[in-house]
N, C-alpha and C. Protein backbone atom coordinates (compact mmCIF):
# COMPACT_ATOMS: atom_id res chain seq x y z
N MET A 1 -19.27 128.78 105.60
CA MET A 1 -20.41 129.35 106.32
C MET A 1 -20.13 129.33 107.82
N SER A 2 -20.63 130.32 108.52
CA SER A 2 -20.33 130.45 109.94
C SER A 2 -20.96 129.33 110.75
N VAL A 3 -20.20 128.82 111.73
CA VAL A 3 -20.76 127.86 112.68
C VAL A 3 -21.81 128.52 113.53
N CYS A 4 -21.53 129.74 113.95
CA CYS A 4 -22.46 130.49 114.79
C CYS A 4 -22.55 131.91 114.28
N SER A 5 -23.76 132.33 113.94
CA SER A 5 -23.94 133.69 113.43
C SER A 5 -24.50 134.60 114.51
N GLN A 6 -24.49 134.14 115.76
CA GLN A 6 -25.10 134.92 116.83
C GLN A 6 -24.07 135.44 117.83
N PHE A 7 -22.80 135.40 117.48
CA PHE A 7 -21.79 135.98 118.35
C PHE A 7 -21.98 137.49 118.45
N GLU A 8 -21.72 138.01 119.65
CA GLU A 8 -21.55 139.45 119.83
C GLU A 8 -20.13 139.66 120.33
N LEU A 9 -19.44 140.62 119.73
CA LEU A 9 -18.07 140.92 120.10
C LEU A 9 -18.00 142.34 120.65
N PHE A 10 -17.73 142.45 121.95
CA PHE A 10 -17.53 143.77 122.54
C PHE A 10 -16.11 144.21 122.24
N GLY A 11 -15.99 145.36 121.57
CA GLY A 11 -14.67 145.84 121.17
C GLY A 11 -14.65 147.34 120.99
N PHE A 12 -13.53 147.81 120.47
CA PHE A 12 -13.32 149.23 120.20
C PHE A 12 -12.43 149.31 118.97
N TRP A 13 -12.63 150.33 118.16
CA TRP A 13 -11.93 150.39 116.88
C TRP A 13 -10.42 150.29 117.04
N ARG A 14 -9.88 150.87 118.11
CA ARG A 14 -8.43 150.97 118.30
C ARG A 14 -7.85 149.80 119.08
N SER A 15 -8.69 148.95 119.61
CA SER A 15 -8.23 147.86 120.48
C SER A 15 -7.50 146.79 119.66
N SER A 16 -6.21 146.62 119.93
CA SER A 16 -5.45 145.61 119.20
C SER A 16 -5.89 144.20 119.59
N ALA A 17 -6.34 144.03 120.82
CA ALA A 17 -6.81 142.71 121.25
C ALA A 17 -8.11 142.35 120.53
N THR A 18 -9.00 143.32 120.34
CA THR A 18 -10.21 143.07 119.57
C THR A 18 -9.87 142.77 118.12
N TYR A 19 -8.87 143.47 117.59
CA TYR A 19 -8.42 143.23 116.22
C TYR A 19 -8.05 141.77 116.01
N ARG A 20 -7.38 141.16 116.98
CA ARG A 20 -6.99 139.76 116.85
C ARG A 20 -8.21 138.87 116.62
N VAL A 21 -9.25 139.12 117.40
CA VAL A 21 -10.45 138.30 117.27
C VAL A 21 -11.13 138.56 115.94
N ARG A 22 -11.18 139.82 115.51
CA ARG A 22 -11.76 140.13 114.20
C ARG A 22 -11.05 139.35 113.09
N VAL A 23 -9.73 139.37 113.11
CA VAL A 23 -8.98 138.67 112.06
C VAL A 23 -9.29 137.18 112.08
N ALA A 24 -9.28 136.57 113.25
CA ALA A 24 -9.55 135.13 113.35
C ALA A 24 -10.95 134.81 112.84
N LEU A 25 -11.92 135.61 113.21
CA LEU A 25 -13.28 135.40 112.71
C LEU A 25 -13.31 135.51 111.19
N ASN A 26 -12.62 136.50 110.65
CA ASN A 26 -12.60 136.68 109.19
C ASN A 26 -11.92 135.50 108.50
N LEU A 27 -10.79 135.06 109.04
CA LEU A 27 -10.09 133.93 108.42
C LEU A 27 -10.93 132.67 108.42
N LYS A 28 -11.75 132.50 109.45
CA LYS A 28 -12.59 131.31 109.56
C LYS A 28 -13.98 131.52 108.98
N ASN A 29 -14.21 132.69 108.38
CA ASN A 29 -15.51 132.99 107.78
C ASN A 29 -16.64 132.85 108.79
N MET A 30 -16.39 133.36 109.99
CA MET A 30 -17.39 133.35 111.05
C MET A 30 -17.88 134.78 111.28
N ASN A 31 -19.11 134.89 111.72
CA ASN A 31 -19.73 136.20 111.86
C ASN A 31 -19.87 136.59 113.32
N ALA A 32 -19.77 137.88 113.58
CA ALA A 32 -20.03 138.42 114.91
C ALA A 32 -20.49 139.86 114.76
N GLN A 33 -21.47 140.24 115.54
CA GLN A 33 -21.90 141.63 115.59
C GLN A 33 -21.06 142.35 116.63
N GLU A 34 -20.33 143.38 116.18
CA GLU A 34 -19.46 144.08 117.12
C GLU A 34 -20.23 145.17 117.86
N MET A 35 -20.08 145.20 119.16
CA MET A 35 -20.69 146.19 120.03
C MET A 35 -19.58 147.08 120.58
N THR A 36 -19.70 148.38 120.35
CA THR A 36 -18.62 149.28 120.71
C THR A 36 -18.62 149.60 122.20
N ILE A 37 -17.47 149.44 122.82
CA ILE A 37 -17.21 149.92 124.18
C ILE A 37 -16.15 151.00 124.04
N ASP A 38 -16.53 152.24 124.26
CA ASP A 38 -15.65 153.38 124.00
C ASP A 38 -14.61 153.50 125.12
N LEU A 39 -13.38 153.10 124.81
CA LEU A 39 -12.31 153.18 125.81
C LEU A 39 -12.00 154.61 126.19
N ASP A 40 -12.09 155.52 125.23
CA ASP A 40 -11.78 156.92 125.52
C ASP A 40 -12.80 157.55 126.46
N ALA A 41 -14.04 157.05 126.40
CA ALA A 41 -15.09 157.57 127.27
C ALA A 41 -15.17 156.80 128.59
N GLY A 42 -14.35 155.78 128.75
CA GLY A 42 -14.35 155.02 130.00
C GLY A 42 -15.48 154.03 130.14
N GLN A 43 -16.13 153.67 129.02
CA GLN A 43 -17.28 152.76 129.11
C GLN A 43 -16.90 151.38 129.63
N GLN A 44 -15.62 151.02 129.51
CA GLN A 44 -15.19 149.70 129.98
C GLN A 44 -15.27 149.57 131.50
N GLN A 45 -15.38 150.71 132.20
CA GLN A 45 -15.49 150.69 133.65
C GLN A 45 -16.93 150.92 134.13
N SER A 46 -17.86 150.92 133.20
CA SER A 46 -19.26 151.11 133.60
C SER A 46 -19.76 149.88 134.35
N PRO A 47 -20.68 150.05 135.30
CA PRO A 47 -21.21 148.90 136.03
C PRO A 47 -21.80 147.84 135.11
N GLU A 48 -22.43 148.28 134.02
CA GLU A 48 -23.05 147.34 133.10
C GLU A 48 -22.00 146.45 132.44
N PHE A 49 -20.91 147.06 131.96
CA PHE A 49 -19.90 146.25 131.28
C PHE A 49 -19.10 145.40 132.26
N LEU A 50 -18.88 145.89 133.46
CA LEU A 50 -18.14 145.10 134.45
C LEU A 50 -18.88 143.83 134.83
N LYS A 51 -20.20 143.81 134.65
CA LYS A 51 -20.95 142.58 134.87
C LYS A 51 -20.62 141.54 133.79
N VAL A 52 -20.27 142.03 132.60
CA VAL A 52 -19.92 141.16 131.49
C VAL A 52 -18.47 140.72 131.58
N ASN A 53 -17.59 141.68 131.86
CA ASN A 53 -16.15 141.41 131.98
C ASN A 53 -15.63 142.14 133.21
N PRO A 54 -15.45 141.45 134.33
CA PRO A 54 -15.06 142.11 135.58
C PRO A 54 -13.75 142.88 135.50
N LEU A 55 -12.87 142.53 134.55
CA LEU A 55 -11.61 143.27 134.41
C LEU A 55 -11.81 144.61 133.72
N GLY A 56 -12.94 144.77 133.04
CA GLY A 56 -13.17 146.01 132.30
C GLY A 56 -12.22 146.14 131.13
N ALA A 57 -12.02 145.04 130.41
CA ALA A 57 -11.07 145.02 129.30
C ALA A 57 -11.73 144.43 128.07
N LEU A 58 -11.11 144.67 126.93
CA LEU A 58 -11.59 144.16 125.66
C LEU A 58 -10.56 143.17 125.10
N PRO A 59 -11.06 142.20 124.29
CA PRO A 59 -12.43 142.00 123.83
C PRO A 59 -13.19 141.07 124.77
N THR A 60 -14.49 141.00 124.52
CA THR A 60 -15.34 140.00 125.16
C THR A 60 -16.25 139.43 124.09
N LEU A 61 -16.30 138.12 123.99
CA LEU A 61 -17.12 137.44 122.99
C LEU A 61 -18.31 136.80 123.68
N ILE A 62 -19.49 137.12 123.18
CA ILE A 62 -20.74 136.61 123.76
C ILE A 62 -21.37 135.61 122.79
N GLU A 63 -21.71 134.46 123.32
CA GLU A 63 -22.44 133.44 122.57
C GLU A 63 -23.71 133.13 123.36
N PRO A 64 -24.88 133.14 122.72
CA PRO A 64 -26.13 132.97 123.45
C PRO A 64 -26.12 131.75 124.37
N GLY A 65 -26.51 131.99 125.61
CA GLY A 65 -26.62 130.90 126.57
C GLY A 65 -25.31 130.44 127.17
N GLN A 66 -24.21 131.13 126.85
CA GLN A 66 -22.90 130.71 127.33
C GLN A 66 -22.24 131.82 128.16
N GLN A 67 -21.27 131.42 128.98
CA GLN A 67 -20.48 132.38 129.74
C GLN A 67 -19.67 133.25 128.78
N PRO A 68 -19.59 134.56 129.03
CA PRO A 68 -18.77 135.41 128.17
C PRO A 68 -17.32 134.92 128.13
N LEU A 69 -16.72 135.03 126.96
CA LEU A 69 -15.31 134.66 126.79
C LEU A 69 -14.47 135.93 126.74
N THR A 70 -13.38 135.94 127.50
CA THR A 70 -12.48 137.08 127.54
C THR A 70 -11.06 136.62 127.23
N GLN A 71 -10.17 137.59 127.04
CA GLN A 71 -8.76 137.36 126.69
C GLN A 71 -8.66 136.87 125.24
N SER A 72 -7.99 137.67 124.42
CA SER A 72 -8.00 137.43 122.98
C SER A 72 -7.44 136.06 122.60
N LEU A 73 -6.34 135.64 123.19
CA LEU A 73 -5.78 134.35 122.80
C LEU A 73 -6.66 133.19 123.23
N ALA A 74 -7.32 133.32 124.37
CA ALA A 74 -8.27 132.28 124.78
C ALA A 74 -9.43 132.20 123.80
N ILE A 75 -9.88 133.36 123.33
CA ILE A 75 -10.95 133.38 122.33
C ILE A 75 -10.48 132.74 121.03
N LEU A 76 -9.26 133.04 120.61
CA LEU A 76 -8.72 132.42 119.40
C LEU A 76 -8.65 130.90 119.54
N GLU A 77 -8.22 130.43 120.70
CA GLU A 77 -8.17 128.98 120.93
C GLU A 77 -9.57 128.37 120.84
N TYR A 78 -10.55 129.07 121.39
CA TYR A 78 -11.93 128.58 121.34
C TYR A 78 -12.42 128.49 119.90
N LEU A 79 -12.18 129.56 119.12
CA LEU A 79 -12.62 129.56 117.73
C LEU A 79 -11.92 128.47 116.93
N GLU A 80 -10.65 128.22 117.23
CA GLU A 80 -9.89 127.18 116.54
C GLU A 80 -10.50 125.80 116.78
N GLU A 81 -10.94 125.55 118.01
CA GLU A 81 -11.55 124.26 118.31
C GLU A 81 -12.98 124.19 117.80
N LEU A 82 -13.67 125.32 117.82
CA LEU A 82 -15.06 125.34 117.36
C LEU A 82 -15.14 125.12 115.85
N GLN A 83 -14.25 125.74 115.13
CA GLN A 83 -14.24 125.62 113.67
C GLN A 83 -12.78 125.40 113.23
N PRO A 84 -12.34 124.16 113.12
CA PRO A 84 -10.92 123.88 112.91
C PRO A 84 -10.37 124.27 111.53
N THR A 85 -11.24 124.55 110.57
CA THR A 85 -10.75 124.90 109.24
C THR A 85 -11.19 126.32 108.87
N PRO A 86 -10.30 127.08 108.24
CA PRO A 86 -8.89 126.75 108.03
C PRO A 86 -8.13 126.80 109.36
N PRO A 87 -7.13 125.95 109.53
CA PRO A 87 -6.42 125.93 110.81
C PRO A 87 -5.55 127.16 111.01
N LEU A 88 -5.52 127.66 112.22
CA LEU A 88 -4.66 128.79 112.58
C LEU A 88 -3.53 128.35 113.50
N LEU A 89 -3.42 127.05 113.71
CA LEU A 89 -2.31 126.45 114.44
C LEU A 89 -1.73 125.33 113.58
N PRO A 90 -0.42 125.12 113.63
CA PRO A 90 0.19 124.03 112.85
C PRO A 90 -0.30 122.66 113.32
N SER A 91 -0.09 121.67 112.48
CA SER A 91 -0.54 120.32 112.81
C SER A 91 0.41 119.60 113.77
N ASP A 92 1.67 120.05 113.84
CA ASP A 92 2.64 119.37 114.68
C ASP A 92 2.78 120.04 116.04
N LEU A 93 3.14 119.23 117.04
CA LEU A 93 3.21 119.69 118.42
C LEU A 93 4.20 120.84 118.60
N ARG A 94 5.41 120.68 118.05
CA ARG A 94 6.43 121.71 118.20
C ARG A 94 6.03 122.99 117.48
N GLY A 95 5.41 122.83 116.34
CA GLY A 95 4.96 124.01 115.61
C GLY A 95 3.91 124.79 116.37
N ARG A 96 2.96 124.07 116.98
CA ARG A 96 1.94 124.75 117.77
C ARG A 96 2.56 125.48 118.95
N ALA A 97 3.55 124.84 119.58
CA ALA A 97 4.22 125.49 120.71
C ALA A 97 4.94 126.76 120.25
N ARG A 98 5.59 126.71 119.09
CA ARG A 98 6.30 127.90 118.60
C ARG A 98 5.32 129.04 118.29
N VAL A 99 4.23 128.71 117.63
CA VAL A 99 3.24 129.75 117.31
C VAL A 99 2.68 130.37 118.58
N ARG A 100 2.37 129.53 119.56
CA ARG A 100 1.85 130.06 120.82
C ARG A 100 2.90 130.89 121.54
N SER A 101 4.16 130.49 121.44
CA SER A 101 5.24 131.25 122.07
C SER A 101 5.37 132.64 121.45
N ILE A 102 5.36 132.72 120.13
CA ILE A 102 5.44 134.03 119.46
C ILE A 102 4.22 134.87 119.82
N SER A 103 3.05 134.25 119.79
CA SER A 103 1.83 134.99 120.10
C SER A 103 1.88 135.55 121.51
N SER A 104 2.31 134.74 122.46
CA SER A 104 2.37 135.19 123.85
C SER A 104 3.43 136.27 124.05
N MET A 105 4.55 136.15 123.35
CA MET A 105 5.59 137.16 123.46
C MET A 105 5.06 138.54 123.09
N LEU A 106 4.22 138.59 122.07
CA LEU A 106 3.69 139.87 121.61
C LEU A 106 2.49 140.33 122.43
N THR A 107 1.62 139.40 122.78
CA THR A 107 0.38 139.80 123.45
C THR A 107 0.51 139.88 124.96
N ALA A 108 1.45 139.13 125.55
CA ALA A 108 1.61 139.13 127.01
C ALA A 108 2.81 139.94 127.48
N ASP A 109 3.85 140.05 126.64
CA ASP A 109 5.05 140.78 127.06
C ASP A 109 5.13 142.19 126.48
N THR A 110 4.59 142.40 125.29
CA THR A 110 4.69 143.71 124.63
C THR A 110 3.41 144.53 124.80
N HIS A 111 2.29 143.97 124.40
CA HIS A 111 1.05 144.74 124.38
C HIS A 111 0.63 145.29 125.74
N PRO A 112 0.73 144.53 126.85
CA PRO A 112 0.25 145.07 128.13
C PRO A 112 0.96 146.33 128.60
N LEU A 113 2.16 146.58 128.10
CA LEU A 113 2.91 147.76 128.54
C LEU A 113 2.44 149.05 127.88
N VAL A 114 1.62 148.94 126.84
CA VAL A 114 1.24 150.14 126.08
C VAL A 114 -0.27 150.34 126.01
N VAL A 115 -1.01 149.69 126.90
CA VAL A 115 -2.46 149.83 126.90
C VAL A 115 -2.88 151.10 127.62
N PRO A 116 -4.12 151.58 127.37
CA PRO A 116 -4.56 152.85 127.96
C PRO A 116 -4.45 152.91 129.47
N ARG A 117 -4.74 151.81 130.18
CA ARG A 117 -4.70 151.91 131.63
C ARG A 117 -3.28 152.12 132.15
N VAL A 118 -2.28 151.62 131.43
CA VAL A 118 -0.89 151.89 131.80
C VAL A 118 -0.56 153.35 131.54
N LYS A 119 -0.98 153.85 130.38
CA LYS A 119 -0.77 155.27 130.07
C LYS A 119 -1.40 156.14 131.14
N ASN A 120 -2.65 155.86 131.48
CA ASN A 120 -3.35 156.69 132.47
C ASN A 120 -2.63 156.67 133.81
N TYR A 121 -2.16 155.50 134.22
CA TYR A 121 -1.46 155.40 135.50
C TYR A 121 -0.16 156.20 135.47
N LEU A 122 0.60 156.05 134.40
CA LEU A 122 1.88 156.76 134.31
C LEU A 122 1.69 158.27 134.22
N MET A 123 0.61 158.68 133.56
CA MET A 123 0.35 160.13 133.45
C MET A 123 -0.13 160.69 134.79
N GLU A 124 -0.94 159.91 135.51
CA GLU A 124 -1.52 160.41 136.76
C GLU A 124 -0.60 160.21 137.96
N ARG A 125 0.14 159.10 137.98
CA ARG A 125 0.94 158.76 139.16
C ARG A 125 2.44 158.77 138.92
N GLY A 126 2.85 158.63 137.67
CA GLY A 126 4.27 158.47 137.38
C GLY A 126 4.96 159.70 136.85
N GLY A 127 4.24 160.82 136.78
CA GLY A 127 4.85 162.05 136.32
C GLY A 127 5.12 162.11 134.83
N PHE A 128 4.50 161.22 134.06
CA PHE A 128 4.71 161.23 132.62
C PHE A 128 3.95 162.36 131.96
N ASP A 129 4.56 162.96 130.93
CA ASP A 129 3.83 163.80 130.00
C ASP A 129 3.74 163.04 128.68
N LEU A 130 3.16 163.65 127.64
CA LEU A 130 2.97 162.93 126.39
C LEU A 130 4.29 162.54 125.73
N ALA A 131 5.31 163.39 125.89
CA ALA A 131 6.61 163.06 125.31
C ALA A 131 7.21 161.82 125.99
N ALA A 132 7.09 161.74 127.31
CA ALA A 132 7.60 160.58 128.03
C ALA A 132 6.83 159.32 127.66
N TRP A 133 5.50 159.48 127.50
CA TRP A 133 4.69 158.33 127.10
C TRP A 133 5.10 157.83 125.72
N ARG A 134 5.35 158.73 124.78
CA ARG A 134 5.77 158.31 123.45
C ARG A 134 7.12 157.58 123.52
N GLU A 135 8.04 158.09 124.32
CA GLU A 135 9.33 157.41 124.48
C GLU A 135 9.13 156.00 125.04
N TRP A 136 8.20 155.88 125.99
CA TRP A 136 7.86 154.57 126.57
C TRP A 136 7.32 153.63 125.49
N GLN A 137 6.40 154.14 124.67
CA GLN A 137 5.85 153.32 123.59
C GLN A 137 6.95 152.82 122.66
N ILE A 138 7.81 153.72 122.21
CA ILE A 138 8.87 153.36 121.28
C ILE A 138 9.78 152.30 121.90
N GLN A 139 10.09 152.47 123.18
CA GLN A 139 10.96 151.51 123.87
C GLN A 139 10.35 150.11 123.86
N TRP A 140 9.09 149.98 124.26
CA TRP A 140 8.53 148.65 124.46
C TRP A 140 7.98 148.04 123.17
N PHE A 141 7.43 148.85 122.28
CA PHE A 141 7.12 148.32 120.96
C PHE A 141 8.41 147.81 120.30
N GLY A 142 9.46 148.63 120.38
CA GLY A 142 10.72 148.26 119.76
C GLY A 142 11.31 146.99 120.32
N ALA A 143 11.26 146.84 121.64
CA ALA A 143 11.81 145.63 122.27
C ALA A 143 11.11 144.38 121.75
N GLY A 144 9.79 144.43 121.67
CA GLY A 144 9.04 143.27 121.21
C GLY A 144 9.26 142.95 119.75
N ILE A 145 9.21 143.98 118.90
CA ILE A 145 9.34 143.76 117.46
C ILE A 145 10.76 143.32 117.10
N ARG A 146 11.76 143.89 117.73
CA ARG A 146 13.14 143.47 117.43
C ARG A 146 13.40 142.04 117.90
N ALA A 147 12.84 141.68 119.04
CA ALA A 147 13.00 140.30 119.51
C ALA A 147 12.34 139.33 118.54
N LEU A 148 11.17 139.70 118.04
CA LEU A 148 10.51 138.83 117.07
C LEU A 148 11.34 138.73 115.79
N GLU A 149 11.88 139.84 115.32
CA GLU A 149 12.71 139.80 114.11
C GLU A 149 13.86 138.81 114.29
N ARG A 150 14.50 138.84 115.44
CA ARG A 150 15.61 137.91 115.68
C ARG A 150 15.13 136.46 115.62
N ARG A 151 13.97 136.21 116.19
CA ARG A 151 13.44 134.85 116.16
C ARG A 151 13.10 134.42 114.73
N LEU A 152 12.46 135.30 113.99
CA LEU A 152 12.06 134.95 112.63
C LEU A 152 13.27 134.65 111.75
N VAL A 153 14.35 135.36 111.98
CA VAL A 153 15.56 135.18 111.17
C VAL A 153 16.30 133.90 111.55
N THR A 154 16.29 133.55 112.83
CA THR A 154 17.15 132.46 113.30
C THR A 154 16.43 131.13 113.47
N GLU A 155 15.12 131.13 113.58
CA GLU A 155 14.39 129.88 113.84
C GLU A 155 13.92 129.24 112.54
N PRO A 156 14.07 127.93 112.40
CA PRO A 156 13.76 127.28 111.12
C PRO A 156 12.28 127.21 110.78
N GLY A 157 11.40 127.44 111.73
CA GLY A 157 9.98 127.34 111.43
C GLY A 157 9.43 128.46 110.58
N THR A 158 10.16 129.56 110.45
CA THR A 158 9.68 130.70 109.69
C THR A 158 9.54 130.34 108.22
N GLY A 159 8.39 130.70 107.64
CA GLY A 159 8.16 130.49 106.22
C GLY A 159 7.78 131.80 105.56
N THR A 160 6.80 131.74 104.69
CA THR A 160 6.32 132.98 104.10
C THR A 160 5.56 133.80 105.14
N TRP A 161 5.05 133.12 106.18
CA TRP A 161 4.44 133.78 107.32
C TRP A 161 5.32 133.53 108.54
N CYS A 162 4.85 133.95 109.71
CA CYS A 162 5.68 133.78 110.91
C CYS A 162 6.06 132.33 111.14
N HIS A 163 5.13 131.44 110.82
CA HIS A 163 5.41 130.00 110.92
C HIS A 163 4.76 129.33 109.73
N GLY A 164 5.58 128.74 108.89
CA GLY A 164 5.03 128.05 107.74
C GLY A 164 4.52 129.00 106.68
N ASP A 165 3.60 128.49 105.87
CA ASP A 165 3.17 129.23 104.69
C ASP A 165 1.69 129.58 104.69
N SER A 166 1.12 129.70 105.87
CA SER A 166 -0.26 130.19 106.00
C SER A 166 -0.38 130.95 107.31
N PRO A 167 -1.36 131.84 107.42
CA PRO A 167 -1.49 132.65 108.64
C PRO A 167 -1.80 131.79 109.86
N THR A 168 -1.21 132.17 110.97
CA THR A 168 -1.46 131.50 112.25
C THR A 168 -1.71 132.56 113.33
N PHE A 169 -1.93 132.07 114.55
CA PHE A 169 -2.06 132.99 115.69
C PHE A 169 -0.90 133.98 115.73
N ALA A 170 0.31 133.52 115.36
CA ALA A 170 1.49 134.38 115.45
C ALA A 170 1.36 135.60 114.54
N ASP A 171 0.87 135.39 113.32
CA ASP A 171 0.70 136.51 112.39
C ASP A 171 -0.40 137.45 112.86
N ILE A 172 -1.46 136.87 113.43
CA ILE A 172 -2.53 137.71 113.98
C ILE A 172 -1.99 138.58 115.10
N ALA A 173 -1.19 137.98 115.99
CA ALA A 173 -0.62 138.74 117.10
C ALA A 173 0.30 139.84 116.59
N LEU A 174 1.16 139.49 115.64
CA LEU A 174 2.07 140.50 115.08
C LEU A 174 1.30 141.63 114.42
N ALA A 175 0.34 141.29 113.58
CA ALA A 175 -0.42 142.32 112.88
C ALA A 175 -1.17 143.22 113.86
N SER A 176 -1.61 142.66 114.98
CA SER A 176 -2.34 143.48 115.96
C SER A 176 -1.42 144.51 116.60
N ILE A 177 -0.17 144.14 116.85
CA ILE A 177 0.78 145.09 117.42
C ILE A 177 1.13 146.17 116.40
N ILE A 178 1.36 145.77 115.15
CA ILE A 178 1.67 146.76 114.11
C ILE A 178 0.49 147.69 113.88
N ALA A 179 -0.73 147.16 113.96
CA ALA A 179 -1.91 148.00 113.75
C ALA A 179 -1.98 149.12 114.77
N VAL A 180 -1.74 148.80 116.04
CA VAL A 180 -1.81 149.84 117.06
C VAL A 180 -0.59 150.75 116.99
N MET A 181 0.56 150.24 116.57
CA MET A 181 1.71 151.10 116.34
C MET A 181 1.40 152.14 115.27
N ARG A 182 0.69 151.73 114.24
CA ARG A 182 0.32 152.66 113.18
C ARG A 182 -0.64 153.72 113.69
N VAL A 183 -1.57 153.31 114.53
CA VAL A 183 -2.49 154.30 115.12
C VAL A 183 -1.70 155.35 115.89
N PHE A 184 -0.70 154.91 116.64
CA PHE A 184 0.11 155.84 117.44
C PHE A 184 1.29 156.42 116.66
N GLN A 185 1.37 156.06 115.36
CA GLN A 185 2.42 156.56 114.47
C GLN A 185 3.82 156.27 115.03
N VAL A 186 3.99 155.02 115.44
CA VAL A 186 5.29 154.53 115.90
C VAL A 186 5.79 153.52 114.87
N SER A 187 7.03 153.65 114.46
CA SER A 187 7.62 152.68 113.54
C SER A 187 8.97 152.22 114.08
N ILE A 188 9.30 150.98 113.82
CA ILE A 188 10.56 150.39 114.28
C ILE A 188 11.36 150.00 113.04
N PRO A 189 12.50 150.63 112.80
CA PRO A 189 13.27 150.35 111.58
C PRO A 189 14.09 149.06 111.68
N ASN A 190 14.58 148.65 110.52
CA ASN A 190 15.53 147.53 110.43
C ASN A 190 14.95 146.20 110.92
N THR A 191 13.72 145.95 110.53
CA THR A 191 13.10 144.66 110.82
C THR A 191 12.50 144.11 109.51
N PRO A 192 13.34 143.71 108.56
CA PRO A 192 12.86 143.36 107.22
C PRO A 192 11.94 142.14 107.18
N THR A 193 12.17 141.17 108.05
CA THR A 193 11.31 139.99 108.02
C THR A 193 9.92 140.33 108.54
N VAL A 194 9.87 141.09 109.62
CA VAL A 194 8.58 141.58 110.11
C VAL A 194 7.89 142.39 109.03
N ASP A 195 8.62 143.28 108.38
CA ASP A 195 8.03 144.13 107.34
C ASP A 195 7.47 143.28 106.20
N ARG A 196 8.17 142.23 105.82
CA ARG A 196 7.70 141.37 104.73
C ARG A 196 6.39 140.68 105.10
N ILE A 197 6.30 140.19 106.32
CA ILE A 197 5.08 139.51 106.75
C ILE A 197 3.92 140.49 106.85
N ILE A 198 4.20 141.68 107.37
CA ILE A 198 3.13 142.68 107.48
C ILE A 198 2.65 143.11 106.10
N ALA A 199 3.54 143.16 105.12
CA ALA A 199 3.12 143.49 103.76
C ALA A 199 2.12 142.46 103.24
N GLN A 200 2.30 141.19 103.62
CA GLN A 200 1.34 140.16 103.24
C GLN A 200 0.00 140.38 103.95
N CYS A 201 0.07 140.71 105.23
CA CYS A 201 -1.17 140.99 105.97
C CYS A 201 -1.93 142.14 105.32
N ASP A 202 -1.19 143.14 104.87
CA ASP A 202 -1.82 144.32 104.28
C ASP A 202 -2.52 144.01 102.96
N MET A 203 -2.24 142.86 102.38
CA MET A 203 -2.89 142.47 101.13
C MET A 203 -3.94 141.38 101.33
N HIS A 204 -4.11 140.95 102.57
CA HIS A 204 -5.02 139.83 102.88
C HIS A 204 -6.35 140.39 103.38
N GLU A 205 -7.43 139.97 102.75
CA GLU A 205 -8.74 140.55 103.05
C GLU A 205 -9.14 140.38 104.51
N ALA A 206 -8.80 139.26 105.12
CA ALA A 206 -9.18 139.03 106.52
C ALA A 206 -8.55 140.05 107.45
N PHE A 207 -7.31 140.44 107.15
CA PHE A 207 -6.62 141.44 107.95
C PHE A 207 -7.12 142.84 107.61
N LEU A 208 -7.34 143.10 106.32
CA LEU A 208 -7.80 144.43 105.90
C LEU A 208 -9.16 144.76 106.52
N LYS A 209 -10.08 143.80 106.52
CA LYS A 209 -11.41 144.05 107.07
C LYS A 209 -11.37 144.33 108.56
N ALA A 210 -10.36 143.81 109.24
CA ALA A 210 -10.25 143.98 110.69
C ALA A 210 -9.51 145.25 111.09
N ALA A 211 -8.94 145.96 110.13
CA ALA A 211 -8.06 147.10 110.42
C ALA A 211 -8.79 148.17 111.24
N PRO A 212 -8.08 148.80 112.18
CA PRO A 212 -8.72 149.78 113.07
C PRO A 212 -9.51 150.86 112.35
N TYR A 213 -8.93 151.47 111.34
CA TYR A 213 -9.59 152.61 110.70
C TYR A 213 -10.76 152.21 109.82
N ARG A 214 -11.03 150.92 109.68
CA ARG A 214 -12.20 150.46 108.95
C ARG A 214 -13.39 150.19 109.88
N GLN A 215 -13.21 150.40 111.17
CA GLN A 215 -14.26 150.03 112.13
C GLN A 215 -15.17 151.21 112.43
N ILE A 216 -16.37 150.89 112.88
CA ILE A 216 -17.33 151.91 113.28
C ILE A 216 -16.75 152.73 114.42
N GLY A 217 -16.87 154.04 114.31
CA GLY A 217 -16.38 154.94 115.35
C GLY A 217 -14.95 155.39 115.16
N ALA A 218 -14.26 154.83 114.17
CA ALA A 218 -12.87 155.23 113.94
C ALA A 218 -12.81 156.61 113.30
N PRO A 219 -11.81 157.41 113.65
CA PRO A 219 -11.63 158.71 113.00
C PRO A 219 -11.05 158.51 111.60
N PRO A 220 -10.97 159.57 110.81
CA PRO A 220 -10.32 159.45 109.50
C PRO A 220 -8.87 159.02 109.64
N VAL A 221 -8.38 158.31 108.66
CA VAL A 221 -6.98 157.90 108.67
C VAL A 221 -6.11 159.14 108.65
N PRO A 222 -5.17 159.28 109.60
CA PRO A 222 -4.34 160.48 109.62
C PRO A 222 -3.41 160.54 108.42
N VAL A 223 -3.17 161.74 107.97
CA VAL A 223 -2.24 161.96 106.86
C VAL A 223 -0.84 162.05 107.43
N ARG A 224 0.05 161.22 106.92
CA ARG A 224 1.42 161.22 107.43
C ARG A 224 2.27 162.17 106.60
N GLY A 225 2.98 163.03 107.32
CA GLY A 225 3.83 164.00 106.63
C GLY A 225 5.15 163.41 106.22
């Protein structure tokens, strides 16, 4: 049963950062009412939302009587401490450090390079067209996913999931990157360990319920030729 059933989660169907929080909430059987901030319409820069999150970014988690929480990994850390079971971090110090390292590699080094505000800047100021933007996406998604594949293959902590045999922050971070890659129809070949873990995510109800195309406001799932 949820510790708090009064959370509000400001998000958007396509937001990979919001996806991370959805998955964590689902894994911990916690409830939140999601409030849509339409990134395509620029609602994140509205004066009303900037009062909630001055960066104008998603996600933002609201708990009655408390300061809004921003940044997906900080929110995950909060949820982990608020409701420790099931745990999304390993019990050992080194294991927790490894999971946080993988999570940060994907969310701090890979994801920020492919967010809408970077696209808008490159299109408006950098002379990019859509073809150049797609090449940019493939480059930086590929760099992150291939680096993770190398780590998963060579580091002893890898189990049936990114670390050990149950989902952690690392799997949530990985699944969030793959989810947005699928939205943009970008795939990175020759990463069998990543593919195996994502196949598990695709069969796990907590990840399925959080998937972009299952959210309010999402368009129909595109048909791949």
